[in-house]
Amino acid sequence: MTDDEGTLRPVRWRGLPRRRTLLRVTLVAVLLGLAAAVLQTPPSCPPPGSSPAASATASPSGGIPALPAGAVGVPIRLAEPAALAVLRPGARVDLLVLPAGGTPDPTLLAPRALVLDVVGATGAVDGSSALYLALPPEQARRAVGLPEGSRFAVVVRG
């Protein structure tokens, strides 16, 4: 038995860790901290780059926008269904109508209507394509009460 085995002297490092080891440990700590911060972000926070106006109308599930207070949802069949391809839920459109047998000039029926959903945008030929809009009750009554053969069109707003 040597003299060193029976002593209670502390173990000493021969030197400090190398610079590369310290860099790796620091990098791992930063990445773990970043991962913890991302995982702790509440789901109610909007993703980066989204506008406050868009998040105010988005539903909690993140899919179809919620129906604003005081509005009703109305399905609209467009005269030109190809226009549905450029529309997305959450967009704002001006709803125009050309009454059957009426004047050749379209009438603005609903300015800045919120698009709730777009159905059949990918070439539905059976007439099942429709645009669901959120309209105030008065505008909804006018849209539904138009005579048979009236045609609808939309102008996409920025």
C-alpha atoms as a PDB file:
ATOM      1  CA  MET A   1       0.000   0.000   0.000  1.00  0.00           C
ATOM      2  CA  THR A   2       1.298   3.410  -0.967  1.00  0.00           C
ATOM      3  CA  ASP A   3       1.043   6.576   1.042  1.00  0.00           C
ATOM      4  CA  ASP A   4      -1.432   8.149  -1.451  1.00  0.00           C
ATOM      5  CA  GLU A   5      -4.064   5.428  -1.024  1.00  0.00           C
ATOM      6  CA  GLY A   6      -4.621   6.112   2.645  1.00  0.00           C
ATOM      7  CA  THR A   7      -4.977   9.890   2.399  1.00  0.00           C
ATOM      8  CA  LEU A   8      -8.138  11.903   1.978  1.00  0.00           C
ATOM      9  CA  ARG A   9      -6.715  14.532  -0.313  1.00  0.00           C
ATOM     10  CA  PRO A  10      -9.144  15.728  -3.062  1.00  0.00           C
ATOM     11  CA  VAL A  11      -8.682  14.625  -6.629  1.00  0.00           C
ATOM     12  CA  ARG A  12      -7.346  17.403  -8.760  1.00  0.00           C
ATOM     13  CA  TRP A  13      -7.785  17.941 -12.465  1.00  0.00           C
ATOM     14  CA  ARG A  14      -4.640  17.977 -14.444  1.00  0.00           C
ATOM     15  CA  GLY A  15      -5.882  20.993 -16.369  1.00  0.00           C
ATOM     16  CA  LEU A  16      -8.975  22.776 -17.624  1.00  0.00           C
ATOM     17  CA  PRO A  17     -11.085  21.206 -20.394  1.00  0.00           C
ATOM     18  CA  ARG A  18      -9.974  22.057 -23.883  1.00  0.00           C
ATOM     19  CA  ARG A  19     -11.469  24.970 -25.759  1.00  0.00           C
ATOM     20  CA  ARG A  20     -13.293  22.645 -28.201  1.00  0.00           C
ATOM     21  CA  THR A  21     -14.927  20.761 -25.322  1.00  0.00           C
ATOM     22  CA  LEU A  22     -16.147  23.989 -23.739  1.00  0.00           C
ATOM     23  CA  LEU A  23     -17.533  25.132 -27.101  1.00  0.00           C
ATOM     24  CA  ARG A  24     -19.439  21.860 -27.551  1.00  0.00           C
ATOM     25  CA  VAL A  25     -20.894  21.984 -24.049  1.00  0.00           C
ATOM     26  CA  THR A  26     -21.965  25.608 -24.549  1.00  0.00           C
ATOM     27  CA  LEU A  27     -23.563  24.817 -27.922  1.00  0.00           C
ATOM     28  CA  VAL A  28     -25.507  21.865 -26.486  1.00  0.00           C
ATOM     29  CA  ALA A  29     -26.748  24.036 -23.598  1.00  0.00           C
ATOM     30  CA  VAL A  30     -27.913  26.788 -25.975  1.00  0.00           C
ATOM     31  CA  LEU A  31     -29.716  24.306 -28.246  1.00  0.00           C
ATOM     32  CA  LEU A  32     -31.446  22.639 -25.292  1.00  0.00           C
ATOM     33  CA  GLY A  33     -32.553  26.032 -23.998  1.00  0.00           C
ATOM     34  CA  LEU A  34     -33.917  26.976 -27.435  1.00  0.00           C
ATOM     35  CA  ALA A  35     -35.786  23.677 -27.727  1.00  0.00           C
ATOM     36  CA  ALA A  36     -37.322  24.192 -24.276  1.00  0.00           C
ATOM     37  CA  ALA A  37     -38.417  27.718 -25.227  1.00  0.00           C
ATOM     38  CA  VAL A  38     -40.053  26.501 -28.447  1.00  0.00           C
ATOM     39  CA  LEU A  39     -41.864  23.687 -26.678  1.00  0.00           C
ATOM     40  CA  GLN A  40     -43.147  26.079 -24.007  1.00  0.00           C
ATOM     41  CA  THR A  41     -44.614  28.562 -26.525  1.00  0.00           C
ATOM     42  CA  PRO A  42     -48.395  28.685 -25.964  1.00  0.00           C
ATOM     43  CA  PRO A  43     -50.503  27.581 -28.953  1.00  0.00           C
ATOM     44  CA  SER A  44     -52.359  30.913 -28.885  1.00  0.00           C
ATOM     45  CA  CYS A  45     -49.245  32.768 -30.095  1.00  0.00           C
ATOM     46  CA  PRO A  46     -49.446  33.549 -33.831  1.00  0.00           C
ATOM     47  CA  PRO A  47     -46.688  32.210 -36.055  1.00  0.00           C
ATOM     48  CA  PRO A  48     -44.000  34.695 -37.099  1.00  0.00           C
ATOM     49  CA  GLY A  49     -44.991  36.860 -40.039  1.00  0.00           C
ATOM     50  CA  SER A  50     -48.756  36.610 -39.537  1.00  0.00           C
ATOM     51  CA  SER A  51     -50.707  39.821 -39.344  1.00  0.00           C
ATOM     52  CA  PRO A  52     -52.876  40.703 -36.330  1.00  0.00           C
ATOM     53  CA  ALA A  53     -55.905  41.144 -38.613  1.00  0.00           C
ATOM     54  CA  ALA A  54     -55.590  37.617 -39.951  1.00  0.00           C
ATOM     55  CA  SER A  55     -55.169  36.112 -36.484  1.00  0.00           C
ATOM     56  CA  ALA A  56     -58.256  37.968 -35.209  1.00  0.00           C
ATOM     57  CA  THR A  57     -60.499  36.063 -37.634  1.00  0.00           C
ATOM     58  CA  ALA A  58     -58.745  32.700 -37.441  1.00  0.00           C
ATOM     59  CA  SER A  59     -60.416  29.900 -35.571  1.00  0.00           C
ATOM     60  CA  PRO A  60     -58.766  28.212 -32.602  1.00  0.00           C
ATOM     61  CA  SER A  61     -58.155  25.097 -34.718  1.00  0.00           C
ATOM     62  CA  GLY A  62     -56.294  27.178 -37.308  1.00  0.00           C
ATOM     63  CA  GLY A  63     -58.455  25.975 -40.220  1.00  0.00           C
ATOM     64  CA  ILE A  64     -61.642  27.719 -41.274  1.00  0.00           C
ATOM     65  CA  PRO A  65     -62.027  31.256 -39.851  1.00  0.00           C
ATOM     66  CA  ALA A  66     -64.557  31.680 -37.087  1.00  0.00           C
ATOM     67  CA  LEU A  67     -67.836  33.382 -37.929  1.00  0.00           C
ATOM     68  CA  PRO A  68     -67.603  36.993 -36.700  1.00  0.00           C
ATOM     69  CA  ALA A  69     -70.138  38.155 -34.136  1.00  0.00           C
ATOM     70  CA  GLY A  70     -73.359  39.361 -35.762  1.00  0.00           C
ATOM     71  CA  ALA A  71     -72.640  37.712 -39.126  1.00  0.00           C
ATOM     72  CA  VAL A  72     -74.236  34.724 -40.830  1.00  0.00           C
ATOM     73  CA  GLY A  73     -72.653  32.194 -43.181  1.00  0.00           C
ATOM     74  CA  VAL A  74     -74.040  32.138 -46.727  1.00  0.00           C
ATOM     75  CA  PRO A  75     -73.111  29.735 -49.558  1.00  0.00           C
ATOM     76  CA  ILE A  76     -72.642  31.501 -52.891  1.00  0.00           C
ATOM     77  CA  ARG A  77     -72.323  29.827 -56.291  1.00  0.00           C
ATOM     78  CA  LEU A  78     -70.161  31.943 -58.555  1.00  0.00           C
ATOM     79  CA  ALA A  79     -70.929  32.481 -62.235  1.00  0.00           C
ATOM     80  CA  GLU A  80     -67.288  31.640 -62.926  1.00  0.00           C
ATOM     81  CA  PRO A  81     -66.241  28.738 -60.635  1.00  0.00           C
ATOM     82  CA  ALA A  82     -62.628  29.069 -61.781  1.00  0.00           C
ATOM     83  CA  ALA A  83     -62.365  32.109 -59.489  1.00  0.00           C
ATOM     84  CA  LEU A  84     -62.554  29.739 -56.516  1.00  0.00           C
ATOM     85  CA  ALA A  85     -59.028  28.532 -57.285  1.00  0.00           C
ATOM     86  CA  VAL A  86     -57.501  31.817 -56.087  1.00  0.00           C
ATOM     87  CA  LEU A  87     -59.592  32.167 -52.933  1.00  0.00           C
ATOM     88  CA  ARG A  88     -58.598  30.944 -49.487  1.00  0.00           C
ATOM     89  CA  PRO A  89     -60.387  31.000 -46.109  1.00  0.00           C
ATOM     90  CA  GLY A  90     -59.699  34.289 -44.345  1.00  0.00           C
ATOM     91  CA  ALA A  91     -59.541  36.352 -47.557  1.00  0.00           C
ATOM     92  CA  ARG A  92     -61.717  39.419 -48.062  1.00  0.00           C
ATOM     93  CA  VAL A  93     -63.798  39.825 -51.223  1.00  0.00           C
ATOM     94  CA  ASP A  94     -66.378  42.203 -52.655  1.00  0.00           C
ATOM     95  CA  LEU A  95     -69.508  40.268 -53.629  1.00  0.00           C
ATOM     96  CA  LEU A  96     -71.080  41.499 -56.866  1.00  0.00           C
ATOM     97  CA  VAL A  97     -74.416  40.422 -58.337  1.00  0.00           C
ATOM     98  CA  LEU A  98     -75.861  40.623 -61.826  1.00  0.00           C
ATOM     99  CA  PRO A  99     -79.627  40.119 -61.397  1.00  0.00           C
ATOM    100  CA  ALA A 100     -81.414  37.934 -63.946  1.00  0.00           C
ATOM    101  CA  GLY A 101     -82.930  40.044 -66.714  1.00  0.00           C
ATOM    102  CA  GLY A 102     -81.630  43.204 -65.081  1.00  0.00           C
ATOM    103  CA  THR A 103     -79.086  45.805 -66.031  1.00  0.00           C
ATOM    104  CA  PRO A 104     -75.779  44.648 -67.534  1.00  0.00           C
ATOM    105  CA  ASP A 105     -73.884  46.456 -64.774  1.00  0.00           C
ATOM    106  CA  PRO A 106     -73.099  44.405 -61.652  1.00  0.00           C
ATOM    107  CA  THR A 107     -74.210  45.729 -58.263  1.00  0.00           C
ATOM    108  CA  LEU A 108     -72.029  45.668 -55.168  1.00  0.00           C
ATOM    109  CA  LEU A 109     -73.947  43.487 -52.740  1.00  0.00           C
ATOM    110  CA  ALA A 110     -71.414  42.996 -49.928  1.00  0.00           C
ATOM    111  CA  PRO A 111     -68.112  44.864 -49.591  1.00  0.00           C
ATOM    112  CA  ARG A 112     -65.215  43.200 -47.721  1.00  0.00           C
ATOM    113  CA  ALA A 113     -67.012  39.899 -47.092  1.00  0.00           C
ATOM    114  CA  LEU A 114     -64.955  37.330 -45.173  1.00  0.00           C
ATOM    115  CA  VAL A 115     -64.347  34.022 -46.965  1.00  0.00           C
ATOM    116  CA  LEU A 116     -65.148  31.212 -44.517  1.00  0.00           C
ATOM    117  CA  ASP A 117     -64.532  28.260 -46.832  1.00  0.00           C
ATOM    118  CA  VAL A 118     -64.057  27.317 -50.481  1.00  0.00           C
ATOM    119  CA  VAL A 119     -65.621  24.039 -51.627  1.00  0.00           C
ATOM    120  CA  GLY A 120     -64.901  22.365 -54.956  1.00  0.00           C
ATOM    121  CA  ALA A 121     -62.181  24.766 -56.074  1.00  0.00           C
ATOM    122  CA  THR A 122     -60.380  22.039 -58.014  1.00  0.00           C
ATOM    123  CA  GLY A 123     -62.577  21.686 -61.072  1.00  0.00           C
ATOM    124  CA  ALA A 124     -65.880  20.377 -59.709  1.00  0.00           C
ATOM    125  CA  VAL A 125     -68.094  19.987 -62.782  1.00  0.00           C
ATOM    126  CA  ASP A 126     -71.192  18.742 -60.960  1.00  0.00           C
ATOM    127  CA  GLY A 127     -72.120  22.177 -59.609  1.00  0.00           C
ATOM    128  CA  SER A 128     -70.979  21.355 -56.076  1.00  0.00           C
ATOM    129  CA  SER A 129     -68.499  24.220 -55.943  1.00  0.00           C
ATOM    130  CA  ALA A 130     -69.427  27.048 -53.603  1.00  0.00           C
ATOM    131  CA  LEU A 131     -67.968  29.931 -51.692  1.00  0.00           C
ATOM    132  CA  TYR A 132     -69.035  30.355 -48.070  1.00  0.00           C
ATOM    133  CA  LEU A 133     -69.047  33.985 -46.965  1.00  0.00           C
ATOM    134  CA  ALA A 134     -69.686  35.691 -43.640  1.00  0.00           C
ATOM    135  CA  LEU A 135     -72.227  38.456 -44.283  1.00  0.00           C
ATOM    136  CA  PRO A 136     -74.251  40.796 -42.082  1.00  0.00           C
ATOM    137  CA  PRO A 137     -77.867  39.549 -41.820  1.00  0.00           C
ATOM    138  CA  GLU A 138     -79.278  42.276 -44.110  1.00  0.00           C
ATOM    139  CA  GLN A 139     -76.780  41.540 -46.900  1.00  0.00           C
ATOM    140  CA  ALA A 140     -77.404  37.813 -46.462  1.00  0.00           C
ATOM    141  CA  ARG A 141     -81.181  38.308 -46.906  1.00  0.00           C
ATOM    142  CA  ARG A 142     -80.556  40.311 -50.092  1.00  0.00           C
ATOM    143  CA  ALA A 143     -78.205  37.636 -51.475  1.00  0.00           C
ATOM    144  CA  VAL A 144     -80.585  34.766 -50.738  1.00  0.00           C
ATOM    145  CA  GLY A 145     -83.673  36.686 -51.929  1.00  0.00           C
ATOM    146  CA  LEU A 146     -82.373  37.412 -55.442  1.00  0.00           C
ATOM    147  CA  PRO A 147     -84.415  35.999 -58.329  1.00  0.00           C
ATOM    148  CA  GLU A 148     -83.529  32.692 -59.983  1.00  0.00           C
ATOM    149  CA  GLY A 149     -80.839  33.126 -62.601  1.00  0.00           C
ATOM    150  CA  SER A 150     -78.950  35.904 -60.804  1.00  0.00           C
ATOM    151  CA  ARG A 151     -75.199  35.540 -61.165  1.00  0.00           C
ATOM    152  CA  PHE A 152     -72.560  36.250 -58.520  1.00  0.00           C
ATOM    153  CA  ALA A 153     -68.964  37.353 -58.929  1.00  0.00           C
ATOM    154  CA  VAL A 154     -66.243  38.355 -56.497  1.00  0.00           C
ATOM    155  CA  VAL A 155     -63.417  40.857 -56.513  1.00  0.00           C
ATOM    156  CA  VAL A 156     -60.500  39.788 -54.321  1.00  0.00           C
ATOM    157  CA  ARG A 157     -59.326  42.488 -51.917  1.00  0.00           C
ATOM    158  CA  GLY A 158     -55.779  42.983 -50.709  1.00  0.00           C
END
